[in-house]
Amino acid sequence: MEANYGKLEMNFSTVILANGVFPTHDIPLSYIENAERVVCCDGSVWNLLLGTGREPDAIVGDMDSISAELADRYADRIFQSAEQETNDLTKAFNWCVSHGFDDMVITGATGKREDHTLGNISLLVEYCRQANVIMATDTGIFKAYYNSVEIETFAGQQVSIFSIDSDTEITSEGLKYQLNKTKLANWWTATLNEALGDKIFLDFKQGRIIVFLKYG
């Protein structure tokens, strides 16, 4: 069973800090505090220093968003990638995978430009095949799945489900508004649902979905 991330029951060894709004909620901040390592996209280094006082263990990106002062200060832990086919978040994710870091929390990936936010959230369906990865915001947790899954929840927890593939049929158990071979033709279709108890089950085949769990 998947853990209830809203209760902070899973430990993740690696945090990737993107260059969105730095989190203020206790849960993403706790992930940063307890991580073995924090990998910063190049524009987020100052946010980490200002927000926690913690120094980055690695800085990954094309280095177009880091000051000369910080680039010089952390020259020993900069990993520059000039290729333009991926954004800095994916560069950081790929760097982590290449080093065997496969339990990750992404935070700081939302809250600025809406197009960046949507793009970053959608990347989870690419990442989930290579690593155990979640995205922690100031309101909840996003995680992607490509197989049927049972997820630990709590009664009354708000749940939203998004399907990248509109032809995917999803059947649910444990939700206030059940899905019965439902195809999610638009992003709003399965939002603002609610868990009835301590778990929900989502049954689907050959699809990619993203689930949002609101903190308690």
Protein backbone atom coordinates (compact mmCIF):
# COMPACT_ATOMS: atom_id res chain seq x y z
CA MET A 1 0.00 0.00 0.00
CA GLU A 2 1.19 3.49 -0.77
CA ALA A 3 1.87 5.63 2.29
CA ASN A 4 -0.25 8.56 3.38
CA TYR A 5 2.14 11.36 2.55
CA GLY A 6 0.01 13.89 4.36
CA LYS A 7 1.07 12.26 7.62
CA LEU A 8 4.76 12.38 6.65
CA GLU A 9 5.12 8.63 7.03
CA MET A 10 7.72 8.14 4.29
CA ASN A 11 11.36 9.10 4.46
CA PHE A 12 13.04 10.29 1.30
CA SER A 13 16.80 10.47 1.02
CA THR A 14 16.91 13.18 -1.62
CA VAL A 15 15.12 16.50 -2.07
CA ILE A 16 15.18 18.32 -5.40
CA LEU A 17 14.52 22.01 -4.91
CA ALA A 18 13.18 23.74 -8.01
CA ASN A 19 13.13 27.48 -8.63
CA GLY A 20 9.48 28.12 -7.87
CA VAL A 21 8.13 29.56 -4.63
CA PHE A 22 10.05 28.24 -1.63
CA PRO A 23 7.73 26.17 0.60
CA THR A 24 6.41 27.40 3.94
CA HIS A 25 4.36 24.37 5.06
CA ASP A 26 5.89 22.13 7.74
CA ILE A 27 5.78 18.98 5.59
CA PRO A 28 7.94 20.09 2.63
CA LEU A 29 10.19 21.95 5.05
CA SER A 30 10.58 18.75 7.09
CA TYR A 31 11.54 16.85 3.95
CA ILE A 32 14.29 19.41 3.32
CA GLU A 33 15.45 19.32 6.93
CA ASN A 34 15.62 15.51 7.12
CA ALA A 35 16.98 14.73 3.66
CA GLU A 36 20.40 13.18 3.27
CA ARG A 37 21.00 15.54 0.39
CA VAL A 38 19.39 18.55 -1.26
CA VAL A 39 19.92 18.93 -4.99
CA CYS A 40 19.15 22.43 -6.24
CA CYS A 41 18.15 23.53 -9.68
CA ASP A 42 20.57 26.36 -10.38
CA GLY A 43 18.10 29.15 -9.68
CA SER A 44 17.00 27.81 -6.28
CA VAL A 45 20.27 27.96 -4.35
CA TRP A 46 19.58 31.34 -2.81
CA ASN A 47 16.06 30.23 -1.84
CA LEU A 48 17.51 27.28 0.07
CA LEU A 49 20.08 29.43 1.87
CA LEU A 50 17.55 32.11 2.75
CA GLY A 51 14.76 29.70 3.67
CA THR A 52 16.68 27.19 5.80
CA GLY A 53 20.33 28.14 6.07
CA ARG A 54 21.18 24.72 4.64
CA GLU A 55 23.74 24.56 1.85
CA PRO A 56 23.10 22.60 -1.37
CA ASP A 57 24.80 19.25 -1.80
CA ALA A 58 24.63 19.55 -5.58
CA ILE A 59 23.55 22.21 -8.08
CA VAL A 60 22.32 21.05 -11.46
CA GLY A 61 21.17 22.98 -14.53
CA ASP A 62 22.35 25.14 -17.37
CA MET A 63 23.60 27.75 -14.84
CA ASP A 64 21.75 30.63 -16.42
CA SER A 65 19.94 31.50 -13.17
CA ILE A 66 22.69 31.41 -10.55
CA SER A 67 24.69 34.45 -9.51
CA ALA A 68 28.41 34.59 -10.19
CA GLU A 69 29.00 34.84 -6.45
CA LEU A 70 27.12 31.62 -5.67
CA ALA A 71 28.60 29.84 -8.69
CA ASP A 72 32.06 30.63 -7.40
CA ARG A 73 31.18 29.74 -3.80
CA TYR A 74 29.84 26.31 -4.75
CA ALA A 75 32.07 25.55 -7.74
CA ASP A 76 32.92 22.15 -6.25
CA ARG A 77 29.32 20.93 -6.44
CA ILE A 78 28.06 22.40 -9.72
CA PHE A 79 27.03 20.00 -12.48
CA GLN A 80 26.30 21.97 -15.60
CA SER A 81 24.22 20.65 -18.48
CA ALA A 82 23.95 22.87 -21.54
CA GLU A 83 21.46 20.71 -23.47
CA GLN A 84 18.15 22.46 -24.08
CA GLU A 85 15.83 19.47 -24.64
CA THR A 86 14.90 19.32 -20.94
CA ASN A 87 14.30 21.88 -18.20
CA ASP A 88 16.44 22.23 -15.09
CA LEU A 89 14.07 20.10 -13.01
CA THR A 90 14.52 17.16 -15.36
CA LYS A 91 18.26 17.76 -15.47
CA ALA A 92 18.33 17.54 -11.67
CA PHE A 93 16.12 14.43 -11.67
CA ASN A 94 18.29 12.68 -14.26
CA TRP A 95 21.42 13.57 -12.30
CA CYS A 96 19.92 12.00 -9.18
CA VAL A 97 18.96 8.81 -11.03
CA SER A 98 22.42 8.55 -12.56
CA HIS A 99 23.88 8.62 -9.05
CA GLY A 100 21.54 5.96 -7.73
CA PHE A 101 19.30 8.33 -5.75
CA ASP A 102 15.87 6.88 -6.47
CA ASP A 103 13.74 8.10 -3.53
CA MET A 104 13.02 11.78 -4.13
CA VAL A 105 10.84 14.65 -3.03
CA ILE A 106 10.50 17.56 -5.43
CA THR A 107 9.52 20.84 -3.85
CA GLY A 108 9.64 24.50 -4.86
CA ALA A 109 8.25 23.45 -8.24
CA THR A 110 5.01 25.47 -8.11
CA GLY A 111 3.74 28.91 -7.27
CA LYS A 112 5.21 31.20 -9.90
CA ARG A 113 4.23 31.00 -13.57
CA GLU A 114 1.21 28.74 -14.08
CA ASP A 115 2.63 27.21 -17.26
CA HIS A 116 5.77 26.18 -15.37
CA THR A 117 3.64 24.75 -12.58
CA LEU A 118 1.54 22.64 -14.94
CA GLY A 119 4.60 21.49 -16.84
CA ASN A 120 6.46 20.51 -13.68
CA ILE A 121 3.52 18.52 -12.29
CA SER A 122 3.07 16.69 -15.60
CA LEU A 123 6.71 15.58 -15.53
CA LEU A 124 5.87 13.24 -12.66
CA VAL A 125 4.40 10.72 -15.12
CA GLU A 126 7.80 10.55 -16.83
CA TYR A 127 9.75 10.31 -13.60
CA CYS A 128 7.64 7.65 -11.86
CA ARG A 129 8.92 4.86 -14.09
CA GLN A 130 12.49 5.49 -12.95
CA ALA A 131 12.18 6.40 -9.28
CA ASN A 132 9.92 6.72 -6.27
CA VAL A 133 9.18 10.43 -6.49
CA ILE A 134 6.57 12.80 -5.12
CA MET A 135 6.03 16.55 -5.41
CA ALA A 136 5.34 18.35 -2.13
CA THR A 137 3.64 21.75 -2.22
CA ASP A 138 2.29 23.96 0.53
CA THR A 139 -1.13 22.30 0.28
CA GLY A 140 -0.50 18.65 -0.50
CA ILE A 141 1.31 15.92 -2.38
CA PHE A 142 1.27 14.97 -6.06
CA LYS A 143 2.31 11.50 -7.18
CA ALA A 144 2.02 9.74 -10.54
CA TYR A 145 1.09 6.12 -11.22
CA TYR A 146 0.97 3.90 -14.29
CA ASN A 147 -0.52 0.83 -12.62
CA SER A 148 -3.52 0.20 -10.36
CA VAL A 149 -2.75 1.31 -6.83
CA GLU A 150 -4.01 1.28 -3.26
CA ILE A 151 -3.25 4.52 -1.42
CA GLU A 152 -3.42 5.10 2.32
CA THR A 153 -5.61 8.07 3.24
CA PHE A 154 -7.70 9.34 6.15
CA ALA A 155 -11.43 9.94 6.32
CA GLY A 156 -12.27 13.32 4.85
CA GLN A 157 -8.94 13.76 3.06
CA GLN A 158 -9.40 15.70 -0.16
CA VAL A 159 -8.27 13.84 -3.26
CA SER A 160 -7.99 14.91 -6.89
CA ILE A 161 -7.18 12.63 -9.81
CA PHE A 162 -5.81 13.70 -13.18
CA SER A 163 -5.32 11.51 -16.24
CA ILE A 164 -2.70 12.29 -18.84
CA ASP A 165 -4.39 9.81 -21.20
CA SER A 166 -8.04 10.69 -21.71
CA ASP A 167 -8.92 7.15 -22.89
CA THR A 168 -7.86 5.54 -19.61
CA GLU A 169 -10.78 3.99 -17.74
CA ILE A 170 -10.52 4.39 -13.95
CA THR A 171 -12.58 2.58 -11.33
CA SER A 172 -12.28 3.61 -7.68
CA GLU A 173 -13.09 2.28 -4.24
CA GLY A 174 -13.13 4.39 -1.09
CA LEU A 175 -14.00 7.76 -2.60
CA LYS A 176 -17.08 9.84 -1.87
CA TYR A 177 -17.74 10.21 -5.59
CA GLN A 178 -16.82 6.86 -7.08
CA LEU A 179 -15.37 6.37 -10.53
CA ASN A 180 -16.75 3.47 -12.56
CA LYS A 181 -14.69 2.89 -15.70
CA THR A 182 -14.63 6.65 -15.95
CA LYS A 183 -12.60 8.39 -18.63
CA LEU A 184 -11.28 11.74 -17.45
CA ALA A 185 -11.74 13.86 -20.54
CA ASN A 186 -10.76 17.10 -18.78
CA TRP A 187 -8.55 18.02 -15.83
CA TRP A 188 -11.45 19.08 -13.60
CA THR A 189 -13.44 15.85 -14.00
CA ALA A 190 -12.13 14.01 -10.91
CA THR A 191 -10.98 16.90 -8.76
CA LEU A 192 -12.21 17.84 -5.27
CA ASN A 193 -13.13 14.29 -4.30
CA GLU A 194 -12.89 12.93 -0.76
CA ALA A 195 -11.59 9.76 0.87
CA LEU A 196 -14.14 7.92 2.99
CA GLY A 197 -11.68 6.04 5.16
CA ASP A 198 -8.11 4.89 5.57
CA LYS A 199 -7.47 3.88 1.97
CA ILE A 200 -8.61 4.30 -1.60
CA PHE A 201 -8.09 1.95 -4.53
CA LEU A 202 -7.72 3.06 -8.14
CA ASP A 203 -8.02 0.39 -10.81
CA PHE A 204 -6.84 1.25 -14.32
CA LYS A 205 -4.76 -0.22 -17.13
CA GLN A 206 -2.37 1.25 -19.64
CA GLY A 207 -2.58 4.79 -18.41
CA ARG A 208 -0.76 7.53 -16.60
CA ILE A 209 -2.50 9.29 -13.76
CA ILE A 210 -1.51 11.88 -11.17
CA VAL A 211 -3.10 11.88 -7.71
CA PHE A 212 -3.18 14.87 -5.38
CA LEU A 213 -3.63 14.31 -1.63
CA LYS A 214 -4.33 17.36 0.50
CA TYR A 215 -2.60 17.55 3.86
CA GLY A 216 -4.68 16.96 6.98
